[in-house]
Protein backbone atom coordinates (compact mmCIF):
# COMPACT_ATOMS: atom_id res chain seq x y z
CA MET A 1 106.68 103.91 52.15
CA ALA A 2 105.96 100.22 51.55
CA PRO A 3 105.59 98.18 54.74
CA SER A 4 108.65 96.06 55.50
CA MET A 5 108.41 92.31 55.94
CA ALA A 6 109.56 90.64 59.17
CA LEU A 7 113.07 89.27 58.79
CA ALA A 8 111.95 85.78 59.85
CA ARG A 9 109.60 85.71 56.83
CA LYS A 10 111.81 87.63 54.41
CA TRP A 11 114.85 85.40 54.98
CA ARG A 12 113.03 82.09 55.31
CA PRO A 13 115.10 79.52 53.36
CA LYS A 14 113.67 78.46 49.99
CA TYR A 15 116.33 75.89 49.08
CA PHE A 16 118.25 73.20 50.92
CA SER A 17 121.46 75.20 50.46
CA GLN A 18 120.04 78.09 52.52
CA LEU A 19 119.26 76.00 55.61
CA VAL A 20 121.66 76.61 58.51
CA GLY A 21 122.83 73.89 60.88
CA GLN A 22 120.83 70.98 59.38
CA GLU A 23 123.42 69.56 57.00
CA HIS A 24 122.82 65.97 58.18
CA VAL A 25 119.14 66.12 57.17
CA VAL A 26 119.77 68.00 53.91
CA ARG A 27 122.39 65.45 52.83
CA ALA A 28 120.12 62.44 53.50
CA LEU A 29 117.12 63.98 51.72
CA SER A 30 119.16 65.23 48.74
CA ASN A 31 120.78 61.84 48.16
CA ALA A 32 117.44 60.05 48.45
CA ILE A 33 115.73 62.40 45.98
CA GLU A 34 118.56 62.29 43.44
CA SER A 35 118.54 58.49 43.54
CA GLY A 36 114.75 58.37 43.22
CA ARG A 37 114.34 56.62 46.59
CA ILE A 38 111.57 58.77 48.02
CA HIS A 39 109.30 57.69 50.85
CA HIS A 40 105.57 58.25 51.23
CA ALA A 41 105.82 59.70 54.78
CA TYR A 42 108.41 61.84 56.56
CA LEU A 43 108.56 63.00 60.17
CA PHE A 44 110.63 66.06 61.13
CA THR A 45 111.25 66.54 64.86
CA GLY A 46 112.99 69.31 66.79
CA THR A 47 112.44 72.33 69.02
CA ARG A 48 110.68 75.46 67.84
CA GLY A 49 112.22 77.58 65.12
CA VAL A 50 114.81 75.10 63.84
CA GLY A 51 113.22 74.75 60.38
CA LYS A 52 110.77 71.84 60.43
CA THR A 53 107.98 73.51 58.43
CA THR A 54 110.48 75.31 56.20
CA LEU A 55 112.15 72.00 55.37
CA ALA A 56 108.74 70.47 54.66
CA ARG A 57 107.92 73.22 52.12
CA ILE A 58 111.30 72.85 50.41
CA LEU A 59 110.73 69.10 50.19
CA ALA A 60 107.31 69.74 48.66
CA LYS A 61 109.01 71.90 45.98
CA CYS A 62 111.51 69.11 45.33
CA PHE A 63 108.62 66.71 44.72
CA ASN A 64 106.59 69.04 42.49
CA CYS A 65 109.05 71.32 40.67
CA GLN A 66 108.15 71.39 36.96
CA ILE A 67 111.73 70.53 35.93
CA GLY A 68 111.20 67.14 37.55
CA LEU A 69 111.97 65.37 40.80
CA THR A 70 115.06 67.20 42.07
CA SER A 71 116.92 68.22 45.23
CA GLN A 72 117.48 71.67 43.67
CA PRO A 73 114.06 73.06 42.65
CA CYS A 74 114.14 75.95 40.19
CA GLY A 75 112.18 78.35 42.37
CA VAL A 76 110.70 80.17 39.35
CA CYS A 77 108.16 77.74 37.92
CA ASP A 78 104.46 78.07 38.74
CA SER A 79 104.61 75.16 41.18
CA CYS A 80 107.59 76.51 43.15
CA LEU A 81 106.24 80.06 43.25
CA SER A 82 102.76 78.98 44.39
CA ILE A 83 104.29 76.86 47.18
CA ASP A 84 106.44 79.80 48.33
CA ARG A 85 103.37 82.04 48.36
CA GLY A 86 101.21 79.45 50.15
CA ARG A 87 98.71 79.19 47.30
CA ASN A 88 99.42 75.78 45.79
CA PRO A 89 96.20 73.69 45.58
CA ASP A 90 98.16 70.45 45.88
CA LEU A 91 99.97 71.45 49.07
CA ILE A 92 97.68 71.04 52.07
CA GLU A 93 99.05 72.46 55.32
CA VAL A 94 97.28 71.50 58.53
CA ASP A 95 97.90 72.81 62.04
CA ALA A 96 97.11 69.81 64.22
CA ALA A 97 96.98 72.04 67.29
CA THR A 98 93.67 73.49 66.05
CA ASN A 99 92.42 70.52 64.00
CA THR A 100 92.57 67.69 66.48
CA ARG A 101 89.21 66.02 65.98
CA VAL A 102 88.75 62.76 64.12
CA GLU A 103 86.01 64.25 61.88
CA GLU A 104 88.41 66.89 60.53
CA MET A 105 91.11 64.28 59.84
CA ARG A 106 88.64 61.98 58.05
CA GLU A 107 87.44 64.82 55.85
CA LEU A 108 91.04 65.70 55.03
CA LEU A 109 92.02 62.13 54.17
CA ASP A 110 88.89 61.48 52.12
CA ASN A 111 90.24 63.99 49.60
CA ALA A 112 93.58 62.16 49.44
CA GLN A 113 92.15 59.62 46.98
CA TYR A 114 91.66 62.30 44.32
CA MET A 115 94.52 63.05 41.95
CA PRO A 116 96.46 66.34 42.33
CA VAL A 117 95.16 69.35 40.40
CA ALA A 118 98.36 70.36 38.62
CA ALA A 119 101.35 68.92 40.47
CA ARG A 120 103.07 65.54 40.49
CA TYR A 121 102.12 64.76 44.09
CA LYS A 122 99.50 65.87 46.56
CA VAL A 123 101.54 66.81 49.67
CA TYR A 124 100.08 66.95 53.18
CA ILE A 125 102.10 68.92 55.74
CA ILE A 126 100.73 68.30 59.26
CA ASP A 127 102.39 70.58 61.83
CA GLU A 128 102.48 69.72 65.56
CA VAL A 129 101.14 66.29 64.68
CA HIS A 130 101.47 65.10 68.30
CA MET A 131 98.42 67.26 69.14
CA LEU A 132 96.05 64.98 67.19
CA SER A 133 93.60 62.93 69.22
CA ARG A 134 94.02 59.16 69.49
CA SER A 135 91.04 58.55 67.19
CA ALA A 136 92.44 61.05 64.66
CA PHE A 137 95.73 59.13 64.64
CA ASN A 138 93.86 55.87 64.08
CA SER A 139 92.00 57.48 61.20
CA MET A 140 95.27 58.59 59.60
CA LEU A 141 96.96 55.23 60.17
CA LYS A 142 95.02 53.43 57.42
CA THR A 143 96.13 55.97 54.82
CA LEU A 144 99.74 55.79 56.06
CA GLU A 145 99.69 51.99 55.71
CA GLU A 146 98.39 51.99 52.13
CA PRO A 147 98.85 55.50 50.71
CA PRO A 148 97.88 56.33 47.11
CA GLU A 149 100.90 56.68 44.80
CA HIS A 150 100.24 60.38 44.31
CA VAL A 151 100.19 61.31 48.06
CA LYS A 152 103.12 62.30 50.29
CA PHE A 153 102.86 63.02 54.02
CA ILE A 154 105.28 65.34 55.82
CA LEU A 155 104.67 65.45 59.57
CA ALA A 156 106.35 67.86 61.99
CA THR A 157 106.41 67.85 65.78
CA THR A 158 108.23 69.27 68.78
CA ASP A 159 107.29 66.25 70.89
CA PRO A 160 107.78 62.92 69.07
CA GLN A 161 107.24 60.98 72.33
CA LYS A 162 103.52 61.71 72.03
CA VAL A 163 103.27 60.30 68.49
CA PRO A 164 102.01 56.68 68.53
CA ILE A 165 104.65 54.10 67.68
CA THR A 166 102.38 52.76 64.93
CA VAL A 167 102.69 56.13 63.16
CA LEU A 168 106.42 56.52 63.87
CA SER A 169 107.17 53.11 62.36
CA ARG A 170 105.62 54.16 59.02
CA CYS A 171 107.64 57.36 58.64
CA LEU A 172 111.22 58.25 57.82
CA GLN A 173 112.22 60.26 60.88
CA PHE A 174 114.72 63.15 60.88
CA ASN A 175 115.71 65.03 64.00
CA LEU A 176 116.60 68.68 63.40
CA LYS A 177 119.29 70.08 65.68
CA GLN A 178 119.24 73.25 67.70
CA MET A 179 121.68 75.71 66.16
CA ARG A 180 124.82 76.78 67.97
CA PRO A 181 125.12 80.46 68.98
CA ASP A 182 128.08 80.93 66.61
CA GLN A 183 126.06 79.50 63.68
CA ILE A 184 123.18 81.84 64.46
CA ALA A 185 125.50 84.86 64.84
CA SER A 186 127.19 84.09 61.53
CA HIS A 187 123.84 83.87 59.71
CA LEU A 188 122.59 87.08 61.32
CA ALA A 189 125.76 88.86 60.16
CA HIS A 190 125.04 87.66 56.61
CA VAL A 191 121.45 88.95 56.83
CA LEU A 192 122.53 92.36 58.17
CA GLN A 193 125.11 92.75 55.42
CA LEU A 194 122.41 92.17 52.81
CA GLU A 195 120.08 94.53 54.69
CA SER A 196 122.87 97.17 54.87
CA VAL A 197 122.44 97.53 58.64
CA PRO A 198 125.59 98.35 60.70
CA TYR A 199 126.27 95.93 63.57
CA GLU A 200 128.77 94.80 66.20
CA GLU A 201 129.74 91.12 66.26
CA ASN A 202 129.41 90.85 70.05
CA ALA A 203 125.80 92.03 69.75
CA LEU A 204 125.02 89.14 67.40
CA THR A 205 126.69 86.72 69.83
CA LEU A 206 124.30 87.91 72.56
CA ILE A 207 121.31 87.38 70.26
CA GLY A 208 122.63 83.95 69.29
CA ARG A 209 122.72 82.90 72.94
CA ALA A 210 119.32 84.40 73.73
CA ALA A 211 117.69 82.53 70.80
CA GLN A 212 118.49 79.18 72.47
CA GLY A 213 119.05 77.33 69.21
CA SER A 214 116.08 78.78 67.31
CA MET A 215 116.89 80.60 64.08
CA ARG A 216 113.37 81.99 63.83
CA ASP A 217 113.60 83.43 67.35
CA SER A 218 117.00 84.96 66.55
CA LEU A 219 115.59 86.77 63.49
CA SER A 220 112.67 88.07 65.54
CA LEU A 221 115.13 89.33 68.18
CA LEU A 222 117.22 90.88 65.41
CA ASP A 223 114.15 92.78 64.17
CA GLN A 224 113.61 94.03 67.70
CA ALA A 225 117.27 95.00 68.07
CA ILE A 226 117.24 97.01 64.82
CA ALA A 227 114.20 98.94 66.02
CA TYR A 228 115.69 99.39 69.52
CA GLY A 229 118.97 100.68 68.11
CA ALA A 230 117.44 102.96 65.49
CA SER A 231 118.59 100.93 62.47
CA SER A 232 121.87 99.74 63.98
CA VAL A 233 122.79 96.78 66.17
CA ASN A 234 125.39 97.39 68.88
CA GLU A 235 126.36 95.35 71.93
CA ALA A 236 125.37 97.79 74.68
CA GLN A 237 121.86 98.34 73.33
CA VAL A 238 121.27 94.64 72.66
CA ALA A 239 122.47 93.75 76.17
CA ASP A 240 120.09 96.36 77.58
CA MET A 241 117.23 95.09 75.42
CA LEU A 242 117.76 91.46 76.41
CA GLY A 243 118.56 92.20 80.06
CA VAL A 244 121.86 90.38 79.59
CA ILE A 245 124.39 90.62 82.40
CA SER A 246 127.51 92.51 81.36
CA GLU A 247 130.60 90.32 81.45
CA ASP A 248 132.25 93.08 83.48
CA TYR A 249 130.11 92.00 86.44
CA LEU A 250 131.12 88.37 85.98
CA TYR A 251 134.83 89.19 85.80
CA GLN A 252 134.47 91.38 88.90
CA ILE A 253 132.84 88.45 90.74
CA LEU A 254 135.61 86.02 89.77
CA ASN A 255 138.33 88.51 90.69
CA ALA A 256 136.68 89.15 94.08
CA LEU A 257 136.61 85.38 94.65
CA LYS A 258 140.30 85.25 93.76
CA ASP A 259 141.03 88.01 96.29
CA THR A 260 138.61 86.46 98.88
CA ASP A 261 136.88 89.84 99.11
CA ALA A 262 133.41 89.34 100.61
CA LEU A 263 132.58 93.06 100.70
CA THR A 264 133.19 93.46 96.96
CA LEU A 265 131.02 90.41 96.22
CA ALA A 266 128.16 91.85 98.28
CA THR A 267 128.58 95.25 96.61
CA ILE A 268 128.48 93.73 93.11
CA ALA A 269 125.29 91.83 93.94
CA GLN A 270 123.66 94.99 95.28
CA SER A 271 124.70 96.93 92.17
CA MET A 272 123.08 94.29 89.98
CA ALA A 273 119.90 94.48 92.06
CA ASP A 274 119.86 98.28 91.75
CA ARG A 275 119.89 97.87 87.96
CA SER A 276 117.07 95.29 88.16
CA LEU A 277 119.22 92.68 86.41
CA SER A 278 118.04 89.09 86.29
CA PHE A 279 119.88 86.95 88.83
CA ILE A 280 118.71 83.80 87.03
CA GLN A 281 120.41 85.10 83.89
CA ALA A 282 123.44 86.05 85.99
CA LEU A 283 123.76 82.47 87.30
CA ASP A 284 123.39 81.10 83.76
CA ASP A 285 126.14 83.42 82.50
CA LEU A 286 128.38 82.73 85.50
CA ALA A 287 128.04 78.96 84.94
CA ARG A 288 128.93 79.43 81.27
CA LEU A 289 132.00 81.48 82.20
CA ILE A 290 133.17 78.93 84.78
CA HIS A 291 132.65 76.21 82.16
CA ASP A 292 134.83 78.13 79.71
CA ILE A 293 137.57 78.65 82.31
CA THR A 294 137.52 74.95 83.25
CA LEU A 295 137.67 73.91 79.59
CA LEU A 296 140.49 76.35 78.94
CA LYS A 297 142.41 75.03 81.94
CA ALA A 298 141.99 71.44 80.76
CA THR A 299 143.22 72.22 77.24
CA HIS A 300 144.66 75.50 76.05
CA GLU A 301 143.82 74.44 72.48
CA ALA A 302 140.17 75.14 73.36
CA LYS A 303 140.87 78.83 72.81
CA GLU A 304 141.58 78.27 69.13
CA VAL A 305 139.23 75.35 68.46
CA LEU A 306 136.18 76.65 70.34
CA GLY A 307 136.88 80.36 70.09
CA LEU A 308 136.99 80.99 73.84
CA ASN A 309 137.75 84.47 75.12
CA GLU A 310 141.48 85.05 75.57
CA ALA A 311 140.73 87.26 78.60
CA LEU A 312 139.90 84.07 80.53
CA LEU A 313 143.47 82.75 80.38
CA PRO A 314 144.73 84.60 83.52
CA LEU A 315 141.81 83.18 85.55
CA THR A 316 142.79 79.57 84.80
CA SER A 317 145.80 79.80 87.14
CA HIS A 318 143.89 80.88 90.26
CA TRP A 319 142.02 77.64 91.05
CA ASP A 320 142.61 73.95 90.51
CA ALA A 321 140.23 71.84 88.42
CA LYS A 322 138.39 70.43 91.47
CA THR A 323 137.60 73.90 92.80
CA LEU A 324 136.32 75.01 89.39
CA HIS A 325 134.10 71.92 89.21
CA LEU A 326 132.79 72.76 92.67
CA PHE A 327 132.10 76.38 91.62
CA TYR A 328 130.15 75.09 88.62
CA GLN A 329 128.12 72.69 90.77
CA ILE A 330 127.32 75.44 93.31
CA VAL A 331 126.11 77.82 90.60
CA ILE A 332 124.02 75.17 88.80
CA GLN A 333 122.43 74.08 92.08
CA ALA A 334 121.74 77.71 93.00
CA ARG A 335 120.08 78.19 89.61
CA GLN A 336 117.64 75.39 90.47
CA ASP A 337 117.03 76.50 94.07
CA LEU A 338 116.85 80.28 93.60
CA TYR A 339 113.06 80.25 93.95
CA LEU A 340 113.48 78.84 97.48
CA ALA A 341 115.42 81.88 98.67
CA PRO A 342 113.60 84.70 100.53
CA ASP A 343 114.39 86.88 97.50
CA GLU A 344 116.63 86.59 94.44
CA LEU A 345 119.24 89.05 95.78
CA SER A 346 119.82 87.11 99.00
CA GLY A 347 119.87 83.81 97.09
CA PHE A 348 122.45 85.14 94.62
CA ARG A 349 124.52 86.74 97.39
CA MET A 350 124.57 83.48 99.38
CA THR A 351 125.73 81.64 96.26
CA LEU A 352 128.72 83.98 95.98
CA LEU A 353 129.48 83.69 99.70
CA ARG A 354 129.28 79.91 99.53
CA MET A 355 131.85 79.86 96.73
CA LEU A 356 133.98 82.25 98.79
CA ALA A 357 133.74 79.97 101.85
CA PHE A 358 135.27 77.10 99.89
CA VAL A 359 138.02 79.34 98.52
CA GLN A 360 138.87 80.45 102.07
CA LYS A 361 138.88 76.85 103.29
CA GLU A 362 141.30 75.97 100.51
CA ASN A 363 143.57 78.86 101.44
CA GLU A 364 143.50 77.86 105.12
CA SER A 365 144.41 74.31 104.14
CA VAL A 366 147.34 75.50 102.04
CA ASP A 367 148.57 77.80 104.81
CA LEU A 368 148.32 74.98 107.35
CA SER A 369 150.16 72.50 105.19
CA LEU A 370 152.96 75.00 104.64
CA SER A 371 153.14 75.59 108.41
CA GLU A 372 153.25 71.86 109.09
CA LYS A 373 156.06 71.41 106.57
CA SER A 374 158.00 74.21 108.24
CA ASP A 375 157.49 72.69 111.71
CA PHE A 376 158.48 69.27 110.43
CA LYS A 377 161.64 70.70 108.88
CA LYS A 378 162.58 72.38 112.19
CA LYS A 379 162.00 69.16 114.13
CA GLN A 380 164.02 67.25 111.58
CA LEU A 381 166.93 69.68 111.97
CA ASN A 382 166.71 69.52 115.78
CA ASN A 383 166.61 65.73 115.76
CA GLU A 384 169.43 65.20 113.29
CA PRO A 385 172.03 64.73 116.09
CA ASP A 386 169.75 62.27 117.83
CA SER A 387 170.08 59.03 115.93
CA GLU A 388 167.59 57.31 118.24
CA THR A 389 164.61 59.49 117.15
CA VAL A 390 161.52 57.27 117.31
CA LYS A 391 159.36 57.24 114.16
CA PRO A 392 155.59 56.69 114.49
CA GLN A 393 154.57 53.12 113.76
CA LYS A 394 151.49 52.52 111.63
CA ILE A 395 148.73 50.42 113.15
CA LYS A 396 148.26 47.06 111.48
CA VAL A 397 145.47 46.80 108.94
CA GLY A 398 142.34 45.29 110.45
CA HIS A 399 142.74 46.82 113.91
CA THR A 400 140.06 49.36 114.77
CA PRO A 401 141.77 52.50 116.09
CA PRO A 402 140.33 54.03 119.29
CA SER A 403 139.78 57.36 117.50
CA LEU A 404 136.99 55.83 115.42
CA SER A 405 134.83 55.16 118.46
CA ASN A 406 133.57 58.76 118.13
CA TRP A 407 133.37 59.94 114.55
CA ALA A 408 132.46 63.52 115.50
CA GLU A 409 135.60 63.83 117.67
CA LEU A 410 137.75 62.46 114.86
CA VAL A 411 136.22 64.97 112.45
CA ASN A 412 137.15 67.78 114.86
CA LEU A 413 140.79 66.65 114.59
CA LEU A 414 140.50 67.30 110.82
CA SER A 415 139.60 70.96 111.41
CA GLY A 416 141.81 73.07 109.15
CA SER A 417 142.07 70.38 106.46
CA GLY A 418 140.06 72.44 103.98
CA MET A 419 137.64 70.56 101.77
CA ALA A 420 138.58 67.20 103.34
CA TYR A 421 137.17 68.52 106.63
CA GLU A 422 133.97 69.72 104.92
CA LEU A 423 133.49 66.29 103.34
CA ALA A 424 134.02 64.53 106.68
CA ARG A 425 131.56 66.87 108.46
CA HIS A 426 128.78 65.80 106.09
CA CYS A 427 129.49 62.04 106.35
CA GLN A 428 128.34 59.36 108.78
CA LEU A 429 130.52 56.46 109.88
CA LYS A 430 129.09 53.11 108.74
CA ASP A 431 131.79 50.65 109.78
CA PHE A 432 135.52 49.89 109.77
CA GLN A 433 136.61 46.39 108.75
CA ALA A 434 139.82 44.97 107.33
CA GLY A 435 141.36 48.39 106.89
CA GLN A 436 138.34 49.71 104.95
CA LEU A 437 136.63 52.79 106.37
CA HIS A 438 133.05 52.89 105.14
CA LEU A 439 131.23 56.27 105.22
CA THR A 440 127.88 57.44 103.85
CA ILE A 441 126.87 60.89 102.65
CA ASP A 442 123.49 62.31 101.69
CA PRO A 443 123.14 62.64 97.86
CA SER A 444 122.31 66.33 98.33
CA GLN A 445 125.91 66.85 99.53
CA LYS A 446 127.58 65.08 96.61
CA ILE A 447 129.43 68.29 95.68
CA PHE A 448 132.02 67.29 98.30
CA MET A 449 132.76 63.90 96.72
CA PRO A 450 135.70 65.10 94.55
CA TYR A 451 137.67 65.56 97.80
CA GLN A 452 137.56 61.89 98.83
CA ASP A 453 141.29 61.36 98.14
CA ARG A 454 142.20 64.34 100.31
CA LEU A 455 140.06 63.04 103.16
CA GLN A 456 141.70 59.62 102.94
CA SER A 457 145.17 61.19 103.16
CA ALA A 458 144.14 63.38 106.10
CA LEU A 459 142.62 60.43 107.99
CA GLU A 460 145.70 58.28 107.38
CA SER A 461 147.85 61.07 108.81
CA ILE A 462 145.73 61.38 111.97
CA LEU A 463 145.15 57.64 112.52
CA VAL A 464 148.77 56.78 111.61
CA MET A 465 147.65 53.83 109.51
CA ASP A 466 146.83 52.81 105.96
CA ILE A 467 143.13 52.80 105.16
CA LYS A 468 140.88 52.38 102.17
CA LEU A 469 138.12 55.00 102.21
CA VAL A 470 134.74 54.11 100.69
CA ILE A 471 131.92 56.69 100.60
CA ASP A 472 128.42 55.75 99.43
CA LEU A 473 125.74 58.24 98.39
CA VAL A 474 123.01 57.12 100.80
CA LYS A 475 120.41 59.00 102.85
CA ASP A 476 120.80 57.59 106.39
CA ASP A 477 118.67 58.28 109.46
CA GLY A 478 121.54 59.29 111.74
CA LEU A 479 123.10 62.72 112.18
CA THR A 480 126.35 63.87 110.58
CA PRO A 481 128.83 65.97 112.58
CA ALA A 482 127.61 69.00 110.62
CA GLN A 483 124.00 68.26 111.59
CA ILE A 484 124.99 67.64 115.21
CA GLU A 485 126.80 70.98 115.27
CA ASP A 486 123.80 72.74 113.69
CA LYS A 487 121.49 71.12 116.25
CA LYS A 488 123.69 72.25 119.14
CA ASP A 489 123.84 75.79 117.73
CA HIS A 490 120.06 75.85 117.37
CA GLU A 491 119.54 74.57 120.93
CA ALA A 492 122.02 77.13 122.26
CA LEU A 493 120.20 79.88 120.36
CA VAL A 494 116.83 78.79 121.75
CA ALA A 495 118.30 78.67 125.28
CA ALA A 496 119.84 82.12 124.86
CA LYS A 497 116.55 83.55 123.63
CA LEU A 498 114.66 81.94 126.53
CA ALA A 499 117.21 83.25 129.06
CA LEU A 500 116.83 86.79 127.72
CA GLU A 501 113.04 86.59 127.77
CA ARG A 502 113.11 85.46 131.44
CA ASP A 503 115.77 87.94 132.53
CA PRO A 504 114.07 90.41 134.93
CA VAL A 505 116.26 93.34 133.84
CA VAL A 506 115.54 92.75 130.17
CA ARG A 507 111.82 92.31 130.90
CA SER A 508 111.61 95.57 132.81
CA ILE A 509 113.38 97.47 129.99
CA LEU A 510 111.06 96.00 127.38
CA ASP A 511 107.95 96.75 129.46
CA GLU A 512 109.03 100.27 130.37
CA TYR A 513 110.03 101.39 126.90
CA GLY A 514 107.67 99.24 124.88
CA GLY A 515 110.56 97.50 123.12
CA LYS A 516 110.92 94.02 121.67
CA LEU A 517 113.70 91.51 121.23
CA ILE A 518 115.26 91.38 117.76
CA GLU A 519 115.74 87.64 117.41
CA SER A 520 118.29 87.91 114.57
CA SER A 521 120.62 89.81 116.92
CA ILE A 522 120.66 87.11 119.61
CA LYS A 523 123.83 85.05 119.61
CA PRO A 524 124.65 82.44 122.28
CA VAL A 525 127.95 82.83 124.13
CA LYS A 526 130.24 79.95 123.25
CA ASP A 527 132.33 78.36 125.96
CA LYS A 528 135.99 79.27 125.80
CA GLN A 529 138.22 76.24 125.73
């Protein structure tokens, strides 16, 4: 049996028409070649596996095809075939990552003055050009400024910021895009059809996401998936191979949030840990799903235009847009901070519980507002016979209400106001002038900012006055009500621990039985009001 070739090599594009996702570059190069307006130096930039070197080789064939200068090389002449096989004497490919020294670049460029052996142009392809040393760049600069008519340079790099501006200014620069998962999946389906390998579309979608915009990586993963699945590609096996989180887990998490079911959330997290699933991947997938739900809620046309999963539609009715934005922010922040957690399981579990805490706050706020409306309606009915019912008068703008003399006490009056209360707890009072209430909040707590309008309404209701609420993202030295509360809790916990340690009964039990205090079980007794 003849050895098979890797799919990334076997299906490497040989013509512009075979390139996927780079239509903007193909169009510009094709038009320039057909009109005869070719440059002496090109620079292709982009992340790994998007087709920089492949595009450079195709361009070399366009320059040197024996039918003439063309954007559609024949692919069968000696020049085209030798370029495809990597044996063309007039195509010099250099890996700058291993040839960084100025001596190597000088030797290379010294040969540029000689005419090509058989082709129209001598083409230099320099890959990862940003790896060249400063002196090597300076050596190349002279040739780029005054190149011989028969020489073309095609540079490629994943980091154009490291290429000197003097070199950039002498090249036509093209930025190659990362490919979308749907573009990758579509191309992989085409490859598998030609390879006569059975597949499931959802499996290719998973590979498309895992490739992160790289077509070469996707073909390598496809090779691996074919081997893993014994010459077939199905979703379950690909998910297992990639360690991808099943969407069933994600839907279970969202449904448990909807039902405010903390036990189910903890159970799901434990189940994922038992299967050794990646919680980083889980947060990535959860953020993507919340993004899709938010987009679908904003415009139902997204389902048709962007091909979003129809199963997400029922979830769009459970939360408002602000809550979904908050969910997204919590998950993204947790993704960044997961390494700070004692372990990934506890970090992931706390992320879910934090989302749940906000859902519960929202529900409490809704319940309270409904109760207040009911009470108001009853009072209104009771007072209907009394035409002399006194209505509350709003304080004139510019007068500082007594309640503002202690911000923490005022925040306590907001208890039960849902996210408005949470925002107020994390703010500090700056000043109150001319009806404008000025607060500050630490930038790390900016996830509460979308609830500024709710806080303003709640404060106006308590203060019985019109105010304009301004909140600045500033890190102040003072303590917020939330920090004051945390400090009091910590002091109470320390006092409780100290009291237990000094208690003679507790000490005698510990000494007699050789026991020890479990600090996590100590909870201070709160005063009953």
